Amino acid sequence: MVFLTRRATFSASHYYWNEAWPAEENERVFGRCANRNGHGHNYTLEVTVAGELDPVTGFVVDLKWLKGVMEQEVLAAYDHKHLNLDVPEFKHVIPTTENIAIATWKRLEPVVTVAGGARLSRIRVYETPEIFAEYRGEA
């Protein structure tokens, strides 16, 4: 089993807000991140796939193919978007780094598993160089 990781970056804005709470509770829990105008990040996305090497190519998956899948399924949906307002999966889910990692998995897992000949192993989303969330699928 070989693990292969590809990185990409995207820029997006978001805010944290729980509709079930009053404004005061959102502001207490989320602080400056509760500003409904939002704020932005330059995210780094790491997608790790796992599989056996193809004996002819030496690939787990073709990196050009993986780049295209990441661009089509994730970057096209998230890059230069306001996650709360423009991305359907965040209409009712707070776009935390953790939830972005899970949503990215849900976008990529069916495509990678079906078409790529490997399996999705890990999604890692960096909100800043010091903060990231990692998701490895349902436990």
C-alpha atoms as a PDB file:
ATOM      1  CA  MET A   1       0.000   0.000   0.000  1.00  0.00           C
ATOM      2  CA  VAL A   2       1.365   3.388  -1.046  1.00  0.00           C
ATOM      3  CA  PHE A   3       0.037   6.756   0.096  1.00  0.00           C
ATOM      4  CA  LEU A   4       0.216   9.702  -2.295  1.00  0.00           C
ATOM      5  CA  THR A   5      -0.633  13.300  -1.358  1.00  0.00           C
ATOM      6  CA  ARG A   6      -1.369  16.253  -3.589  1.00  0.00           C
ATOM      7  CA  ARG A   7      -1.700  19.840  -2.370  1.00  0.00           C
ATOM      8  CA  ALA A   8      -3.779  22.716  -3.695  1.00  0.00           C
ATOM      9  CA  THR A   9      -4.701  26.133  -2.384  1.00  0.00           C
ATOM     10  CA  PHE A  10      -7.877  28.150  -2.442  1.00  0.00           C
ATOM     11  CA  SER A  11      -9.083  31.437  -1.004  1.00  0.00           C
ATOM     12  CA  ALA A  12     -12.486  31.728   0.589  1.00  0.00           C
ATOM     13  CA  SER A  13     -14.388  33.758   3.123  1.00  0.00           C
ATOM     14  CA  HIS A  14     -16.758  32.589   5.832  1.00  0.00           C
ATOM     15  CA  TYR A  15     -18.245  33.379   9.208  1.00  0.00           C
ATOM     16  CA  TYR A  16     -19.302  31.237  12.150  1.00  0.00           C
ATOM     17  CA  TRP A  17     -22.934  31.475  13.161  1.00  0.00           C
ATOM     18  CA  ASN A  18     -25.412  29.069  14.740  1.00  0.00           C
ATOM     19  CA  GLU A  19     -28.939  30.080  13.674  1.00  0.00           C
ATOM     20  CA  ALA A  20     -30.430  28.402  16.756  1.00  0.00           C
ATOM     21  CA  TRP A  21     -28.599  30.805  19.079  1.00  0.00           C
ATOM     22  CA  PRO A  22     -29.216  34.475  19.814  1.00  0.00           C
ATOM     23  CA  ALA A  23     -26.648  36.955  18.502  1.00  0.00           C
ATOM     24  CA  GLU A  24     -25.101  37.353  21.957  1.00  0.00           C
ATOM     25  CA  GLU A  25     -24.353  33.620  22.217  1.00  0.00           C
ATOM     26  CA  ASN A  26     -22.843  33.510  18.722  1.00  0.00           C
ATOM     27  CA  GLU A  27     -20.644  36.482  19.566  1.00  0.00           C
ATOM     28  CA  ARG A  28     -19.611  34.940  22.901  1.00  0.00           C
ATOM     29  CA  VAL A  29     -18.726  31.544  21.405  1.00  0.00           C
ATOM     30  CA  PHE A  30     -17.316  32.580  18.028  1.00  0.00           C
ATOM     31  CA  GLY A  31     -15.917  36.029  18.842  1.00  0.00           C
ATOM     32  CA  ARG A  32     -14.704  37.969  15.814  1.00  0.00           C
ATOM     33  CA  CYS A  33     -15.511  34.988  13.580  1.00  0.00           C
ATOM     34  CA  ALA A  34     -19.231  35.702  14.159  1.00  0.00           C
ATOM     35  CA  ASN A  35     -19.049  38.880  12.051  1.00  0.00           C
ATOM     36  CA  ARG A  36     -21.743  38.282   9.432  1.00  0.00           C
ATOM     37  CA  ASN A  37     -19.696  40.143   6.803  1.00  0.00           C
ATOM     38  CA  GLY A  38     -17.203  37.295   7.018  1.00  0.00           C
ATOM     39  CA  HIS A  39     -13.444  37.115   6.832  1.00  0.00           C
ATOM     40  CA  GLY A  40     -11.128  35.235   4.507  1.00  0.00           C
ATOM     41  CA  HIS A  41      -8.366  32.654   4.519  1.00  0.00           C
ATOM     42  CA  ASN A  42      -5.905  31.249   2.042  1.00  0.00           C
ATOM     43  CA  TYR A  43      -6.539  27.560   2.647  1.00  0.00           C
ATOM     44  CA  THR A  44      -4.228  24.700   1.790  1.00  0.00           C
ATOM     45  CA  LEU A  45      -5.885  21.424   0.879  1.00  0.00           C
ATOM     46  CA  GLU A  46      -4.040  18.096   1.024  1.00  0.00           C
ATOM     47  CA  VAL A  47      -5.662  15.051  -0.540  1.00  0.00           C
ATOM     48  CA  THR A  48      -4.082  11.680   0.205  1.00  0.00           C
ATOM     49  CA  VAL A  49      -4.990   8.564  -1.756  1.00  0.00           C
ATOM     50  CA  ALA A  50      -3.916   5.017  -1.010  1.00  0.00           C
ATOM     51  CA  GLY A  51      -3.525   2.044  -3.277  1.00  0.00           C
ATOM     52  CA  GLU A  52      -1.262  -0.449  -4.927  1.00  0.00           C
ATOM     53  CA  LEU A  53       1.231   0.674  -7.531  1.00  0.00           C
ATOM     54  CA  ASP A  54       0.328   0.091 -11.123  1.00  0.00           C
ATOM     55  CA  PRO A  55       3.124  -2.202 -12.325  1.00  0.00           C
ATOM     56  CA  VAL A  56       3.265  -0.479 -15.718  1.00  0.00           C
ATOM     57  CA  THR A  57       3.181   3.206 -14.703  1.00  0.00           C
ATOM     58  CA  GLY A  58       4.461   3.040 -11.123  1.00  0.00           C
ATOM     59  CA  PHE A  59       1.544   5.288 -10.096  1.00  0.00           C
ATOM     60  CA  VAL A  60      -1.017   4.910  -7.330  1.00  0.00           C
ATOM     61  CA  VAL A  61      -3.093   7.329  -9.404  1.00  0.00           C
ATOM     62  CA  ASP A  62      -2.150   9.674 -12.196  1.00  0.00           C
ATOM     63  CA  LEU A  63      -1.321  13.011 -10.516  1.00  0.00           C
ATOM     64  CA  LYS A  64      -2.659  14.983 -13.470  1.00  0.00           C
ATOM     65  CA  TRP A  65      -5.986  13.170 -13.099  1.00  0.00           C
ATOM     66  CA  LEU A  66      -6.027  13.793  -9.322  1.00  0.00           C
ATOM     67  CA  LYS A  67      -5.279  17.498  -9.851  1.00  0.00           C
ATOM     68  CA  GLY A  68      -8.191  17.718 -12.287  1.00  0.00           C
ATOM     69  CA  VAL A  69     -10.563  16.020  -9.859  1.00  0.00           C
ATOM     70  CA  MET A  70      -9.521  18.355  -7.040  1.00  0.00           C
ATOM     71  CA  GLU A  71      -9.990  21.382  -9.281  1.00  0.00           C
ATOM     72  CA  GLN A  72     -13.369  20.260 -10.597  1.00  0.00           C
ATOM     73  CA  GLU A  73     -14.906  18.911  -7.381  1.00  0.00           C
ATOM     74  CA  VAL A  74     -13.468  21.248  -4.728  1.00  0.00           C
ATOM     75  CA  LEU A  75     -11.585  24.274  -6.003  1.00  0.00           C
ATOM     76  CA  ALA A  76     -14.257  25.270  -8.508  1.00  0.00           C
ATOM     77  CA  ALA A  77     -16.819  25.184  -5.691  1.00  0.00           C
ATOM     78  CA  TYR A  78     -14.777  26.845  -2.908  1.00  0.00           C
ATOM     79  CA  ASP A  79     -12.147  29.129  -4.437  1.00  0.00           C
ATOM     80  CA  HIS A  80     -12.982  32.845  -4.190  1.00  0.00           C
ATOM     81  CA  LYS A  81     -16.380  32.035  -2.708  1.00  0.00           C
ATOM     82  CA  HIS A  82     -18.146  33.037   0.473  1.00  0.00           C
ATOM     83  CA  LEU A  83     -18.629  29.559   1.899  1.00  0.00           C
ATOM     84  CA  ASN A  84     -21.767  30.389   3.916  1.00  0.00           C
ATOM     85  CA  LEU A  85     -23.488  32.094   0.988  1.00  0.00           C
ATOM     86  CA  ASP A  86     -22.174  30.383  -2.147  1.00  0.00           C
ATOM     87  CA  VAL A  87     -21.581  26.720  -1.251  1.00  0.00           C
ATOM     88  CA  PRO A  88     -24.676  24.531  -0.739  1.00  0.00           C
ATOM     89  CA  GLU A  89     -23.213  22.244   1.929  1.00  0.00           C
ATOM     90  CA  PHE A  90     -22.563  25.247   4.192  1.00  0.00           C
ATOM     91  CA  LYS A  91     -26.041  26.789   3.995  1.00  0.00           C
ATOM     92  CA  HIS A  92     -26.908  25.049   7.297  1.00  0.00           C
ATOM     93  CA  VAL A  93     -23.476  23.836   8.462  1.00  0.00           C
ATOM     94  CA  ILE A  94     -20.937  26.181  10.021  1.00  0.00           C
ATOM     95  CA  PRO A  95     -17.901  26.237   7.671  1.00  0.00           C
ATOM     96  CA  THR A  96     -15.279  25.455  10.280  1.00  0.00           C
ATOM     97  CA  THR A  97     -12.021  23.941   9.116  1.00  0.00           C
ATOM     98  CA  GLU A  98     -13.289  20.596  10.419  1.00  0.00           C
ATOM     99  CA  ASN A  99     -16.513  20.835   8.412  1.00  0.00           C
ATOM    100  CA  ILE A 100     -14.632  21.927   5.293  1.00  0.00           C
ATOM    101  CA  ALA A 101     -12.488  18.779   5.582  1.00  0.00           C
ATOM    102  CA  ILE A 102     -15.590  16.560   5.898  1.00  0.00           C
ATOM    103  CA  ALA A 103     -17.376  18.296   3.016  1.00  0.00           C
ATOM    104  CA  THR A 104     -14.275  17.938   0.844  1.00  0.00           C
ATOM    105  CA  TRP A 105     -14.172  14.209   1.612  1.00  0.00           C
ATOM    106  CA  LYS A 106     -17.813  13.864   0.584  1.00  0.00           C
ATOM    107  CA  ARG A 107     -17.100  15.622  -2.700  1.00  0.00           C
ATOM    108  CA  LEU A 108     -13.995  13.583  -3.536  1.00  0.00           C
ATOM    109  CA  GLU A 109     -14.516  10.102  -2.124  1.00  0.00           C
ATOM    110  CA  PRO A 110     -17.009   8.797  -4.708  1.00  0.00           C
ATOM    111  CA  VAL A 111     -14.953  10.091  -7.631  1.00  0.00           C
ATOM    112  CA  VAL A 112     -11.565   8.898  -6.381  1.00  0.00           C
ATOM    113  CA  THR A 113     -12.866   5.457  -5.410  1.00  0.00           C
ATOM    114  CA  VAL A 114     -14.802   4.858  -8.614  1.00  0.00           C
ATOM    115  CA  ALA A 115     -12.553   6.380 -11.239  1.00  0.00           C
ATOM    116  CA  GLY A 116      -9.101   6.520  -9.746  1.00  0.00           C
ATOM    117  CA  GLY A 117      -8.460   2.898  -8.857  1.00  0.00           C
ATOM    118  CA  ALA A 118      -7.316   3.946  -5.379  1.00  0.00           C
ATOM    119  CA  ARG A 119      -9.151   4.945  -2.248  1.00  0.00           C
ATOM    120  CA  LEU A 120      -9.305   8.264  -0.515  1.00  0.00           C
ATOM    121  CA  SER A 121      -7.224   8.007   2.650  1.00  0.00           C
ATOM    122  CA  ARG A 122      -7.069  11.470   4.160  1.00  0.00           C
ATOM    123  CA  ILE A 123      -8.195  15.057   3.706  1.00  0.00           C
ATOM    124  CA  ARG A 124      -6.248  17.773   5.460  1.00  0.00           C
ATOM    125  CA  VAL A 125      -7.340  21.421   5.319  1.00  0.00           C
ATOM    126  CA  TYR A 126      -5.071  24.154   6.641  1.00  0.00           C
ATOM    127  CA  GLU A 127      -6.846  27.351   7.634  1.00  0.00           C
ATOM    128  CA  THR A 128      -3.501  28.896   8.583  1.00  0.00           C
ATOM    129  CA  PRO A 129      -0.007  27.406   8.662  1.00  0.00           C
ATOM    130  CA  GLU A 130      -0.619  26.660  12.354  1.00  0.00           C
ATOM    131  CA  ILE A 131      -4.199  25.303  12.211  1.00  0.00           C
ATOM    132  CA  PHE A 132      -5.464  22.336  10.231  1.00  0.00           C
ATOM    133  CA  ALA A 133      -8.173  19.712  10.385  1.00  0.00           C
ATOM    134  CA  GLU A 134      -7.758  16.158   9.163  1.00  0.00           C
ATOM    135  CA  TYR A 135     -10.523  13.764   8.163  1.00  0.00           C
ATOM    136  CA  ARG A 136     -10.156  10.092   7.278  1.00  0.00           C
ATOM    137  CA  GLY A 137     -13.751   9.132   6.595  1.00  0.00           C
ATOM    138  CA  GLU A 138     -16.408   7.658   8.797  1.00  0.00           C
ATOM    139  CA  ALA A 139     -15.017   5.730  11.743  1.00  0.00           C
END
